[in-house]
Amino acid sequence: MWYKGKMVLSVASYNFLRWHKNARVVTAFLLDFILCYLLTDKAVQFAVERDTTMQIFEAFIWTFGDSNAILLVSLLLLILFADMPFITTATPFYLMRTTRRVWVVGQMVYVALATMLFMVFTLFSTVVLTMQNAFTGNRWSRTAAALAYSGSGKELNLPSAVKAIEMSRPWQSMLWVLALMLLYTLVMVLVMLLFNIWKGQIAGIAAVISFSCYGLLLNPDNIKKVLHLPDQLSYKARVLVGWISPLNQATFYMHNFGYDKLPTLGQTVAIGLALLAVLLILTICAIRRYAFSFSGTEGK
């Protein structure tokens, strides 16, 4: 058991060693920083124009409390994990020393750790971009109050304001937004890994695109506009979508904070962990029939 755990970590760490001078990795993180700049700029400019400060995590909470922003940042992981399932010149040696199951678990550990690092980098980027006009205290700023109660938040497409302010504090909200993003992106990349192993890389990319489009199309506002639903049916559609769409479950304000029938944060975490467990089992089963091909692999 100890030896298998050591081999799992060895497989995962080898993939991180391949990041050295890897243009694809640099591109993914650079694009993530640029995306954070573009998405947080409207919140920063709002504070500057009104000569107010922000809590240091507020830009992150407002920006990535939106499903569209979560979708965009998650798709950048396609660049980072474009070479799934990470077949290199070292793969035959790992397979000679251990089993396929141990090898693929090592790949999943790498995917999980790399995804966590990418999401933390996203948080760090928003902090860097707002730190000149921000404070660290665990209280909402005047900027947050203006966004929430004046209607400016909706105009700037910065949701999750009122619920977050009334039901939580900045540090707690930040942790929840980060956790929800992490769960969604982990499910997405494990879907990609599963289909890459099961049907090939084209199928993996198609699965991720389908997974993303499913969440994008099941947007309450889009459904209301397309079907011209009255307010009563619109609310029911919103609740249904909140339960069945992974992207909406990853959205902070699409949760039950005590006065509606949307899933609670705890229920979303439970659903996300259950999906991860299922994907883990299916991927381990799929690796048994995977046909390894080592022609043209690279060691870097």
C-alpha atoms as a PDB file:
ATOM      1  CA  MET A   1       0.000   0.000   0.000  1.00  0.00           C
ATOM      2  CA  TRP A   2       2.816   2.393   0.895  1.00  0.00           C
ATOM      3  CA  TYR A   3       4.642   1.519  -2.339  1.00  0.00           C
ATOM      4  CA  LYS A   4       1.512   2.174  -4.432  1.00  0.00           C
ATOM      5  CA  GLY A   5       1.040   5.558  -2.767  1.00  0.00           C
ATOM      6  CA  LYS A   6       4.646   6.419  -3.498  1.00  0.00           C
ATOM      7  CA  MET A   7       4.215   5.476  -7.163  1.00  0.00           C
ATOM      8  CA  VAL A   8       1.027   7.560  -7.429  1.00  0.00           C
ATOM      9  CA  LEU A   9       2.915  10.615  -6.150  1.00  0.00           C
ATOM     10  CA  SER A  10       5.837   9.813  -8.458  1.00  0.00           C
ATOM     11  CA  VAL A  11       3.562   9.795 -11.515  1.00  0.00           C
ATOM     12  CA  ALA A  12       1.921  13.063 -10.441  1.00  0.00           C
ATOM     13  CA  SER A  13       5.227  14.798  -9.666  1.00  0.00           C
ATOM     14  CA  TYR A  14       6.716  13.755 -13.011  1.00  0.00           C
ATOM     15  CA  ASN A  15       3.913  15.590 -14.799  1.00  0.00           C
ATOM     16  CA  PHE A  16       4.699  18.737 -12.803  1.00  0.00           C
ATOM     17  CA  LEU A  17       8.367  18.448 -13.804  1.00  0.00           C
ATOM     18  CA  ARG A  18       7.232  18.722 -17.422  1.00  0.00           C
ATOM     19  CA  TRP A  19       6.024  22.262 -16.695  1.00  0.00           C
ATOM     20  CA  HIS A  20       9.610  23.542 -16.841  1.00  0.00           C
ATOM     21  CA  LYS A  21       9.932  25.835 -19.880  1.00  0.00           C
ATOM     22  CA  ASN A  22       6.629  24.493 -21.219  1.00  0.00           C
ATOM     23  CA  ALA A  23       5.087  27.152 -23.494  1.00  0.00           C
ATOM     24  CA  ARG A  24       1.614  25.641 -23.187  1.00  0.00           C
ATOM     25  CA  VAL A  25       1.640  25.955 -19.388  1.00  0.00           C
ATOM     26  CA  VAL A  26       2.938  29.528 -19.545  1.00  0.00           C
ATOM     27  CA  THR A  27       0.241  30.410 -22.092  1.00  0.00           C
ATOM     28  CA  ALA A  28      -2.542  28.974 -19.919  1.00  0.00           C
ATOM     29  CA  PHE A  29      -1.512  30.948 -16.838  1.00  0.00           C
ATOM     30  CA  LEU A  30      -0.863  34.119 -18.846  1.00  0.00           C
ATOM     31  CA  LEU A  31      -4.295  33.941 -20.467  1.00  0.00           C
ATOM     32  CA  ASP A  32      -5.821  33.347 -17.040  1.00  0.00           C
ATOM     33  CA  PHE A  33      -4.228  36.539 -15.706  1.00  0.00           C
ATOM     34  CA  ILE A  34      -5.411  38.516 -18.753  1.00  0.00           C
ATOM     35  CA  LEU A  35      -8.923  37.116 -18.326  1.00  0.00           C
ATOM     36  CA  CYS A  36      -8.936  38.126 -14.654  1.00  0.00           C
ATOM     37  CA  TYR A  37      -7.857  41.640 -15.646  1.00  0.00           C
ATOM     38  CA  LEU A  38     -10.640  41.956 -18.223  1.00  0.00           C
ATOM     39  CA  LEU A  39     -13.312  40.579 -15.894  1.00  0.00           C
ATOM     40  CA  THR A  40     -12.361  42.529 -12.753  1.00  0.00           C
ATOM     41  CA  ASP A  41     -11.711  45.842 -14.475  1.00  0.00           C
ATOM     42  CA  LYS A  42     -15.369  46.916 -14.386  1.00  0.00           C
ATOM     43  CA  ALA A  43     -15.559  46.398 -10.617  1.00  0.00           C
ATOM     44  CA  VAL A  44     -12.278  48.243 -10.072  1.00  0.00           C
ATOM     45  CA  GLN A  45     -13.366  51.143 -12.281  1.00  0.00           C
ATOM     46  CA  PHE A  46     -16.696  51.313 -10.439  1.00  0.00           C
ATOM     47  CA  ALA A  47     -14.818  51.786  -7.141  1.00  0.00           C
ATOM     48  CA  VAL A  48     -12.405  54.334  -8.647  1.00  0.00           C
ATOM     49  CA  GLU A  49     -15.198  56.420 -10.158  1.00  0.00           C
ATOM     50  CA  ARG A  50     -16.948  56.642  -6.777  1.00  0.00           C
ATOM     51  CA  ASP A  51     -13.729  57.137  -4.834  1.00  0.00           C
ATOM     52  CA  THR A  52     -14.406  54.128  -2.595  1.00  0.00           C
ATOM     53  CA  THR A  53     -12.295  51.167  -1.527  1.00  0.00           C
ATOM     54  CA  MET A  54     -12.969  47.433  -1.878  1.00  0.00           C
ATOM     55  CA  GLN A  55     -12.464  44.416   0.319  1.00  0.00           C
ATOM     56  CA  ILE A  56      -9.552  42.552  -1.241  1.00  0.00           C
ATOM     57  CA  PHE A  57     -11.616  39.489  -2.222  1.00  0.00           C
ATOM     58  CA  GLU A  58     -14.695  41.329  -3.467  1.00  0.00           C
ATOM     59  CA  ALA A  59     -13.589  41.529  -7.103  1.00  0.00           C
ATOM     60  CA  PHE A  60     -13.063  37.761  -7.081  1.00  0.00           C
ATOM     61  CA  ILE A  61     -16.460  37.129  -5.442  1.00  0.00           C
ATOM     62  CA  TRP A  62     -18.399  39.410  -7.815  1.00  0.00           C
ATOM     63  CA  THR A  63     -16.549  38.245 -10.928  1.00  0.00           C
ATOM     64  CA  PHE A  64     -16.515  34.495 -10.369  1.00  0.00           C
ATOM     65  CA  GLY A  65     -19.931  34.443  -8.768  1.00  0.00           C
ATOM     66  CA  ASP A  66     -21.089  34.575 -12.397  1.00  0.00           C
ATOM     67  CA  SER A  67     -21.518  31.392 -14.438  1.00  0.00           C
ATOM     68  CA  ASN A  68     -20.083  32.909 -17.636  1.00  0.00           C
ATOM     69  CA  ALA A  69     -16.826  33.842 -15.886  1.00  0.00           C
ATOM     70  CA  ILE A  70     -16.540  30.351 -14.381  1.00  0.00           C
ATOM     71  CA  LEU A  71     -17.078  28.820 -17.815  1.00  0.00           C
ATOM     72  CA  LEU A  72     -14.392  30.994 -19.415  1.00  0.00           C
ATOM     73  CA  VAL A  73     -11.726  30.271 -16.813  1.00  0.00           C
ATOM     74  CA  SER A  74     -12.505  26.546 -16.839  1.00  0.00           C
ATOM     75  CA  LEU A  75     -12.060  26.352 -20.607  1.00  0.00           C
ATOM     76  CA  LEU A  76      -8.500  27.643 -20.214  1.00  0.00           C
ATOM     77  CA  LEU A  77      -7.730  24.297 -18.581  1.00  0.00           C
ATOM     78  CA  LEU A  78      -8.110  22.741 -22.033  1.00  0.00           C
ATOM     79  CA  ILE A  79      -4.780  24.365 -22.856  1.00  0.00           C
ATOM     80  CA  LEU A  80      -3.153  23.045 -19.697  1.00  0.00           C
ATOM     81  CA  PHE A  81      -4.472  19.497 -20.151  1.00  0.00           C
ATOM     82  CA  ALA A  82      -4.401  19.308 -23.956  1.00  0.00           C
ATOM     83  CA  ASP A  83      -2.091  16.259 -23.918  1.00  0.00           C
ATOM     84  CA  MET A  84      -4.271  14.020 -21.735  1.00  0.00           C
ATOM     85  CA  PRO A  85      -3.744  11.218 -20.731  1.00  0.00           C
ATOM     86  CA  PHE A  86      -0.103  12.411 -20.584  1.00  0.00           C
ATOM     87  CA  ILE A  87       1.690   9.624 -22.480  1.00  0.00           C
ATOM     88  CA  THR A  88       5.447  10.323 -22.397  1.00  0.00           C
ATOM     89  CA  THR A  89       8.686   8.373 -22.795  1.00  0.00           C
ATOM     90  CA  ALA A  90       8.547   7.728 -19.042  1.00  0.00           C
ATOM     91  CA  THR A  91       5.139   6.027 -19.223  1.00  0.00           C
ATOM     92  CA  PRO A  92       6.449   2.546 -20.249  1.00  0.00           C
ATOM     93  CA  PHE A  93       8.827   2.537 -17.273  1.00  0.00           C
ATOM     94  CA  TYR A  94       6.015   3.402 -14.862  1.00  0.00           C
ATOM     95  CA  LEU A  95       3.810   0.674 -16.345  1.00  0.00           C
ATOM     96  CA  MET A  96       6.635  -1.862 -15.948  1.00  0.00           C
ATOM     97  CA  ARG A  97       7.057  -0.970 -12.256  1.00  0.00           C
ATOM     98  CA  THR A  98       3.392  -0.653 -11.306  1.00  0.00           C
ATOM     99  CA  THR A  99      -0.161  -1.304 -12.528  1.00  0.00           C
ATOM    100  CA  ARG A 100      -2.360   0.634 -14.915  1.00  0.00           C
ATOM    101  CA  ARG A 101      -4.659   1.493 -12.018  1.00  0.00           C
ATOM    102  CA  VAL A 102      -1.864   3.088  -9.999  1.00  0.00           C
ATOM    103  CA  TRP A 103      -0.644   4.980 -13.067  1.00  0.00           C
ATOM    104  CA  VAL A 104      -4.061   6.465 -13.883  1.00  0.00           C
ATOM    105  CA  VAL A 105      -4.677   7.385 -10.222  1.00  0.00           C
ATOM    106  CA  GLY A 106      -1.372   9.272 -10.369  1.00  0.00           C
ATOM    107  CA  GLN A 107      -2.654  11.119 -13.434  1.00  0.00           C
ATOM    108  CA  MET A 108      -5.862  12.045 -11.606  1.00  0.00           C
ATOM    109  CA  VAL A 109      -3.894  13.274  -8.590  1.00  0.00           C
ATOM    110  CA  TYR A 110      -1.855  15.466 -10.946  1.00  0.00           C
ATOM    111  CA  VAL A 111      -5.024  16.791 -12.614  1.00  0.00           C
ATOM    112  CA  ALA A 112      -6.579  17.597  -9.228  1.00  0.00           C
ATOM    113  CA  LEU A 113      -3.476  19.356  -7.878  1.00  0.00           C
ATOM    114  CA  ALA A 114      -2.886  21.278 -11.124  1.00  0.00           C
ATOM    115  CA  THR A 115      -6.521  22.403 -11.190  1.00  0.00           C
ATOM    116  CA  MET A 116      -6.304  23.561  -7.574  1.00  0.00           C
ATOM    117  CA  LEU A 117      -3.121  25.503  -8.365  1.00  0.00           C
ATOM    118  CA  PHE A 118      -4.790  27.108 -11.388  1.00  0.00           C
ATOM    119  CA  MET A 119      -7.828  28.204  -9.361  1.00  0.00           C
ATOM    120  CA  VAL A 120      -5.632  29.592  -6.560  1.00  0.00           C
ATOM    121  CA  PHE A 121      -3.654  31.493  -9.206  1.00  0.00           C
ATOM    122  CA  THR A 122      -6.962  32.934 -10.462  1.00  0.00           C
ATOM    123  CA  LEU A 123      -7.771  34.140  -6.951  1.00  0.00           C
ATOM    124  CA  PHE A 124      -4.248  35.537  -6.530  1.00  0.00           C
ATOM    125  CA  SER A 125      -4.545  37.391  -9.855  1.00  0.00           C
ATOM    126  CA  THR A 126      -7.714  39.198  -8.793  1.00  0.00           C
ATOM    127  CA  VAL A 127      -6.096  40.121  -5.472  1.00  0.00           C
ATOM    128  CA  VAL A 128      -3.047  41.581  -7.235  1.00  0.00           C
ATOM    129  CA  LEU A 129      -5.247  43.551  -9.620  1.00  0.00           C
ATOM    130  CA  THR A 130      -7.273  45.157  -6.798  1.00  0.00           C
ATOM    131  CA  MET A 131      -4.813  45.412  -3.910  1.00  0.00           C
ATOM    132  CA  GLN A 132      -3.893  49.069  -4.481  1.00  0.00           C
ATOM    133  CA  ASN A 133      -7.400  50.172  -3.568  1.00  0.00           C
ATOM    134  CA  ALA A 134      -8.435  47.436  -1.102  1.00  0.00           C
ATOM    135  CA  PHE A 135      -8.418  46.427   2.559  1.00  0.00           C
ATOM    136  CA  THR A 136      -8.160  42.946   4.109  1.00  0.00           C
ATOM    137  CA  GLY A 137     -10.731  43.215   6.913  1.00  0.00           C
ATOM    138  CA  ASN A 138     -13.569  40.684   6.908  1.00  0.00           C
ATOM    139  CA  ARG A 139     -16.329  43.196   6.186  1.00  0.00           C
ATOM    140  CA  TRP A 140     -18.076  44.400   3.055  1.00  0.00           C
ATOM    141  CA  SER A 141     -17.035  47.703   1.557  1.00  0.00           C
ATOM    142  CA  ARG A 142     -19.112  50.697   0.503  1.00  0.00           C
ATOM    143  CA  THR A 143     -18.441  49.590  -3.075  1.00  0.00           C
ATOM    144  CA  ALA A 144     -20.140  46.255  -2.361  1.00  0.00           C
ATOM    145  CA  ALA A 145     -23.140  47.981  -0.826  1.00  0.00           C
ATOM    146  CA  ALA A 146     -23.459  50.282  -3.842  1.00  0.00           C
ATOM    147  CA  LEU A 147     -23.275  47.330  -6.253  1.00  0.00           C
ATOM    148  CA  ALA A 148     -25.829  45.332  -4.290  1.00  0.00           C
ATOM    149  CA  TYR A 149     -28.510  47.872  -3.445  1.00  0.00           C
ATOM    150  CA  SER A 150     -28.335  50.496  -6.192  1.00  0.00           C
ATOM    151  CA  GLY A 151     -28.884  48.176  -9.146  1.00  0.00           C
ATOM    152  CA  SER A 152     -25.416  48.934 -10.496  1.00  0.00           C
ATOM    153  CA  GLY A 153     -24.406  45.294  -9.962  1.00  0.00           C
ATOM    154  CA  LYS A 154     -26.967  44.105 -12.505  1.00  0.00           C
ATOM    155  CA  GLU A 155     -26.023  46.842 -14.948  1.00  0.00           C
ATOM    156  CA  LEU A 156     -22.353  45.811 -14.737  1.00  0.00           C
ATOM    157  CA  ASN A 157     -23.256  42.096 -14.785  1.00  0.00           C
ATOM    158  CA  LEU A 158     -21.748  41.564 -11.312  1.00  0.00           C
ATOM    159  CA  PRO A 159     -24.239  39.227  -9.587  1.00  0.00           C
ATOM    160  CA  SER A 160     -24.284  37.506  -6.157  1.00  0.00           C
ATOM    161  CA  ALA A 161     -24.224  40.850  -4.385  1.00  0.00           C
ATOM    162  CA  VAL A 162     -27.320  40.989  -2.172  1.00  0.00           C
ATOM    163  CA  LYS A 163     -27.277  37.331  -1.101  1.00  0.00           C
ATOM    164  CA  ALA A 164     -23.569  37.419  -0.303  1.00  0.00           C
ATOM    165  CA  ILE A 165     -23.784  40.618   1.731  1.00  0.00           C
ATOM    166  CA  GLU A 166     -26.842  39.517   3.714  1.00  0.00           C
ATOM    167  CA  MET A 167     -25.805  35.911   4.372  1.00  0.00           C
ATOM    168  CA  SER A 168     -22.021  35.838   4.560  1.00  0.00           C
ATOM    169  CA  ARG A 169     -18.739  37.734   4.998  1.00  0.00           C
ATOM    170  CA  PRO A 170     -16.042  38.351   2.360  1.00  0.00           C
ATOM    171  CA  TRP A 171     -13.592  35.683   3.533  1.00  0.00           C
ATOM    172  CA  GLN A 172     -16.301  33.022   3.825  1.00  0.00           C
ATOM    173  CA  SER A 173     -17.795  34.013   0.455  1.00  0.00           C
ATOM    174  CA  MET A 174     -14.364  33.855  -1.177  1.00  0.00           C
ATOM    175  CA  LEU A 175     -13.786  30.329   0.136  1.00  0.00           C
ATOM    176  CA  TRP A 176     -17.181  29.174  -1.102  1.00  0.00           C
ATOM    177  CA  VAL A 177     -16.727  30.706  -4.565  1.00  0.00           C
ATOM    178  CA  LEU A 178     -13.278  29.111  -4.813  1.00  0.00           C
ATOM    179  CA  ALA A 179     -14.613  25.725  -3.658  1.00  0.00           C
ATOM    180  CA  LEU A 180     -17.511  25.811  -6.142  1.00  0.00           C
ATOM    181  CA  MET A 181     -15.191  26.743  -9.018  1.00  0.00           C
ATOM    182  CA  LEU A 182     -12.799  23.979  -8.021  1.00  0.00           C
ATOM    183  CA  LEU A 183     -15.540  21.340  -7.889  1.00  0.00           C
ATOM    184  CA  TYR A 184     -16.870  22.341 -11.309  1.00  0.00           C
ATOM    185  CA  THR A 185     -13.466  22.403 -12.986  1.00  0.00           C
ATOM    186  CA  LEU A 186     -12.439  19.088 -11.405  1.00  0.00           C
ATOM    187  CA  VAL A 187     -15.593  17.425 -12.730  1.00  0.00           C
ATOM    188  CA  MET A 188     -14.951  18.942 -16.165  1.00  0.00           C
ATOM    189  CA  VAL A 189     -11.323  17.825 -16.468  1.00  0.00           C
ATOM    190  CA  LEU A 190     -12.102  14.332 -15.155  1.00  0.00           C
ATOM    191  CA  VAL A 191     -14.847  14.056 -17.793  1.00  0.00           C
ATOM    192  CA  MET A 192     -12.199  14.986 -20.348  1.00  0.00           C
ATOM    193  CA  LEU A 193      -9.729  12.432 -18.950  1.00  0.00           C
ATOM    194  CA  LEU A 194     -12.366   9.675 -18.919  1.00  0.00           C
ATOM    195  CA  PHE A 195     -13.388  10.223 -22.546  1.00  0.00           C
ATOM    196  CA  ASN A 196      -9.760  10.602 -23.658  1.00  0.00           C
ATOM    197  CA  ILE A 197      -8.994   7.183 -22.220  1.00  0.00           C
ATOM    198  CA  TRP A 198     -12.269   5.605 -23.337  1.00  0.00           C
ATOM    199  CA  LYS A 199     -12.661   6.991 -26.886  1.00  0.00           C
ATOM    200  CA  GLY A 200      -9.609   9.156 -27.661  1.00  0.00           C
ATOM    201  CA  GLN A 201      -8.586  12.815 -27.504  1.00  0.00           C
ATOM    202  CA  ILE A 202     -11.176  14.053 -30.003  1.00  0.00           C
ATOM    203  CA  ALA A 203     -13.915  12.475 -27.907  1.00  0.00           C
ATOM    204  CA  GLY A 204     -12.428  14.088 -24.785  1.00  0.00           C
ATOM    205  CA  ILE A 205     -12.550  17.560 -26.320  1.00  0.00           C
ATOM    206  CA  ALA A 206     -16.069  16.936 -27.639  1.00  0.00           C
ATOM    207  CA  ALA A 207     -17.175  15.792 -24.164  1.00  0.00           C
ATOM    208  CA  VAL A 208     -15.842  18.974 -22.536  1.00  0.00           C
ATOM    209  CA  ILE A 209     -17.467  21.196 -25.152  1.00  0.00           C
ATOM    210  CA  SER A 210     -20.777  19.354 -24.702  1.00  0.00           C
ATOM    211  CA  PHE A 211     -20.458  19.579 -20.906  1.00  0.00           C
ATOM    212  CA  SER A 212     -19.813  23.330 -21.133  1.00  0.00           C
ATOM    213  CA  CYS A 213     -22.604  23.966 -23.657  1.00  0.00           C
ATOM    214  CA  TYR A 214     -25.031  22.038 -21.462  1.00  0.00           C
ATOM    215  CA  GLY A 215     -24.327  24.403 -18.577  1.00  0.00           C
ATOM    216  CA  LEU A 216     -24.354  27.476 -20.801  1.00  0.00           C
ATOM    217  CA  LEU A 217     -27.680  26.675 -22.448  1.00  0.00           C
ATOM    218  CA  LEU A 218     -29.341  25.821 -19.130  1.00  0.00           C
ATOM    219  CA  ASN A 219     -29.166  29.416 -17.996  1.00  0.00           C
ATOM    220  CA  PRO A 220     -32.321  30.697 -16.246  1.00  0.00           C
ATOM    221  CA  ASP A 221     -32.199  34.053 -18.017  1.00  0.00           C
ATOM    222  CA  ASN A 222     -31.744  32.417 -21.432  1.00  0.00           C
ATOM    223  CA  ILE A 223     -34.648  30.028 -20.806  1.00  0.00           C
ATOM    224  CA  LYS A 224     -36.905  32.888 -19.689  1.00  0.00           C
ATOM    225  CA  LYS A 225     -36.127  34.952 -22.801  1.00  0.00           C
ATOM    226  CA  VAL A 226     -36.442  32.080 -25.288  1.00  0.00           C
ATOM    227  CA  LEU A 227     -39.657  30.605 -23.847  1.00  0.00           C
ATOM    228  CA  HIS A 228     -41.135  33.962 -22.734  1.00  0.00           C
ATOM    229  CA  LEU A 229     -41.978  32.530 -19.323  1.00  0.00           C
ATOM    230  CA  PRO A 230     -44.041  34.481 -16.764  1.00  0.00           C
ATOM    231  CA  ASP A 231     -42.447  35.190 -13.405  1.00  0.00           C
ATOM    232  CA  GLN A 232     -44.029  32.184 -11.642  1.00  0.00           C
ATOM    233  CA  LEU A 233     -42.847  29.657 -14.234  1.00  0.00           C
ATOM    234  CA  SER A 234     -39.532  31.494 -14.519  1.00  0.00           C
ATOM    235  CA  TYR A 235     -38.871  30.858 -10.831  1.00  0.00           C
ATOM    236  CA  LYS A 236     -39.685  27.155 -11.225  1.00  0.00           C
ATOM    237  CA  ALA A 237     -37.342  26.935 -14.217  1.00  0.00           C
ATOM    238  CA  ARG A 238     -34.663  28.703 -12.200  1.00  0.00           C
ATOM    239  CA  VAL A 239     -34.977  26.168  -9.376  1.00  0.00           C
ATOM    240  CA  LEU A 240     -34.931  23.198 -11.784  1.00  0.00           C
ATOM    241  CA  VAL A 241     -31.861  24.525 -13.604  1.00  0.00           C
ATOM    242  CA  GLY A 242     -30.172  25.203 -10.274  1.00  0.00           C
ATOM    243  CA  TRP A 243     -30.419  21.502  -9.481  1.00  0.00           C
ATOM    244  CA  ILE A 244     -29.601  19.875 -12.828  1.00  0.00           C
ATOM    245  CA  SER A 245     -26.918  22.171 -14.269  1.00  0.00           C
ATOM    246  CA  PRO A 246     -23.340  21.728 -12.939  1.00  0.00           C
ATOM    247  CA  LEU A 247     -22.437  25.226 -14.118  1.00  0.00           C
ATOM    248  CA  ASN A 248     -25.306  26.791 -12.189  1.00  0.00           C
ATOM    249  CA  GLN A 249     -24.411  24.733  -9.135  1.00  0.00           C
ATOM    250  CA  ALA A 250     -20.938  26.245  -9.393  1.00  0.00           C
ATOM    251  CA  THR A 251     -22.483  29.740  -9.288  1.00  0.00           C
ATOM    252  CA  PHE A 252     -22.500  31.219  -5.782  1.00  0.00           C
ATOM    253  CA  TYR A 253     -25.754  33.164  -5.922  1.00  0.00           C
ATOM    254  CA  MET A 254     -27.661  30.188  -7.446  1.00  0.00           C
ATOM    255  CA  HIS A 255     -27.953  28.580  -4.004  1.00  0.00           C
ATOM    256  CA  ASN A 256     -30.438  28.428  -1.183  1.00  0.00           C
ATOM    257  CA  PHE A 257     -29.496  30.866   1.554  1.00  0.00           C
ATOM    258  CA  GLY A 258     -32.614  30.127   3.584  1.00  0.00           C
ATOM    259  CA  TYR A 259     -35.519  31.473   1.561  1.00  0.00           C
ATOM    260  CA  ASP A 260     -35.903  29.512  -1.701  1.00  0.00           C
ATOM    261  CA  LYS A 261     -35.785  25.955  -3.073  1.00  0.00           C
ATOM    262  CA  LEU A 262     -32.395  26.093  -4.784  1.00  0.00           C
ATOM    263  CA  PRO A 263     -29.725  23.603  -3.620  1.00  0.00           C
ATOM    264  CA  THR A 264     -27.784  24.583  -0.519  1.00  0.00           C
ATOM    265  CA  LEU A 265     -24.019  24.946  -0.658  1.00  0.00           C
ATOM    266  CA  GLY A 266     -23.645  21.709   1.293  1.00  0.00           C
ATOM    267  CA  GLN A 267     -25.879  19.826  -1.147  1.00  0.00           C
ATOM    268  CA  THR A 268     -23.862  21.126  -4.099  1.00  0.00           C
ATOM    269  CA  VAL A 269     -20.628  19.947  -2.485  1.00  0.00           C
ATOM    270  CA  ALA A 270     -22.162  16.514  -1.855  1.00  0.00           C
ATOM    271  CA  ILE A 271     -23.334  16.249  -5.479  1.00  0.00           C
ATOM    272  CA  GLY A 272     -19.925  17.374  -6.763  1.00  0.00           C
ATOM    273  CA  LEU A 273     -18.040  14.849  -4.625  1.00  0.00           C
ATOM    274  CA  ALA A 274     -20.422  12.087  -5.746  1.00  0.00           C
ATOM    275  CA  LEU A 275     -19.781  12.960  -9.405  1.00  0.00           C
ATOM    276  CA  LEU A 276     -16.025  12.935  -8.791  1.00  0.00           C
ATOM    277  CA  ALA A 277     -16.269   9.497  -7.164  1.00  0.00           C
ATOM    278  CA  VAL A 278     -18.233   8.126 -10.134  1.00  0.00           C
ATOM    279  CA  LEU A 279     -15.736   9.595 -12.615  1.00  0.00           C
ATOM    280  CA  LEU A 280     -12.856   8.139 -10.597  1.00  0.00           C
ATOM    281  CA  ILE A 281     -14.354   4.629 -10.737  1.00  0.00           C
ATOM    282  CA  LEU A 282     -15.239   4.861 -14.446  1.00  0.00           C
ATOM    283  CA  THR A 283     -11.744   6.111 -15.343  1.00  0.00           C
ATOM    284  CA  ILE A 284     -10.084   3.273 -13.426  1.00  0.00           C
ATOM    285  CA  CYS A 285     -12.330   0.808 -15.263  1.00  0.00           C
ATOM    286  CA  ALA A 286     -11.649   2.433 -18.658  1.00  0.00           C
ATOM    287  CA  ILE A 287      -7.849   2.253 -18.271  1.00  0.00           C
ATOM    288  CA  ARG A 288      -7.995  -1.552 -18.310  1.00  0.00           C
ATOM    289  CA  ARG A 289      -8.825  -1.532 -22.030  1.00  0.00           C
ATOM    290  CA  TYR A 290      -6.795   1.507 -23.030  1.00  0.00           C
ATOM    291  CA  ALA A 291      -4.423   0.803 -25.927  1.00  0.00           C
ATOM    292  CA  PHE A 292      -1.145   2.565 -25.116  1.00  0.00           C
ATOM    293  CA  SER A 293       0.809   3.985 -28.052  1.00  0.00           C
ATOM    294  CA  PHE A 294       4.329   5.223 -27.416  1.00  0.00           C
ATOM    295  CA  SER A 295       5.268   6.317 -30.943  1.00  0.00           C
ATOM    296  CA  GLY A 296       6.178   9.987 -31.073  1.00  0.00           C
ATOM    297  CA  THR A 297       6.024  10.562 -27.318  1.00  0.00           C
ATOM    298  CA  GLU A 298       8.186  13.289 -25.875  1.00  0.00           C
ATOM    299  CA  GLY A 299      10.057  13.313 -22.630  1.00  0.00           C
ATOM    300  CA  LYS A 300       9.607  16.943 -21.766  1.00  0.00           C
END
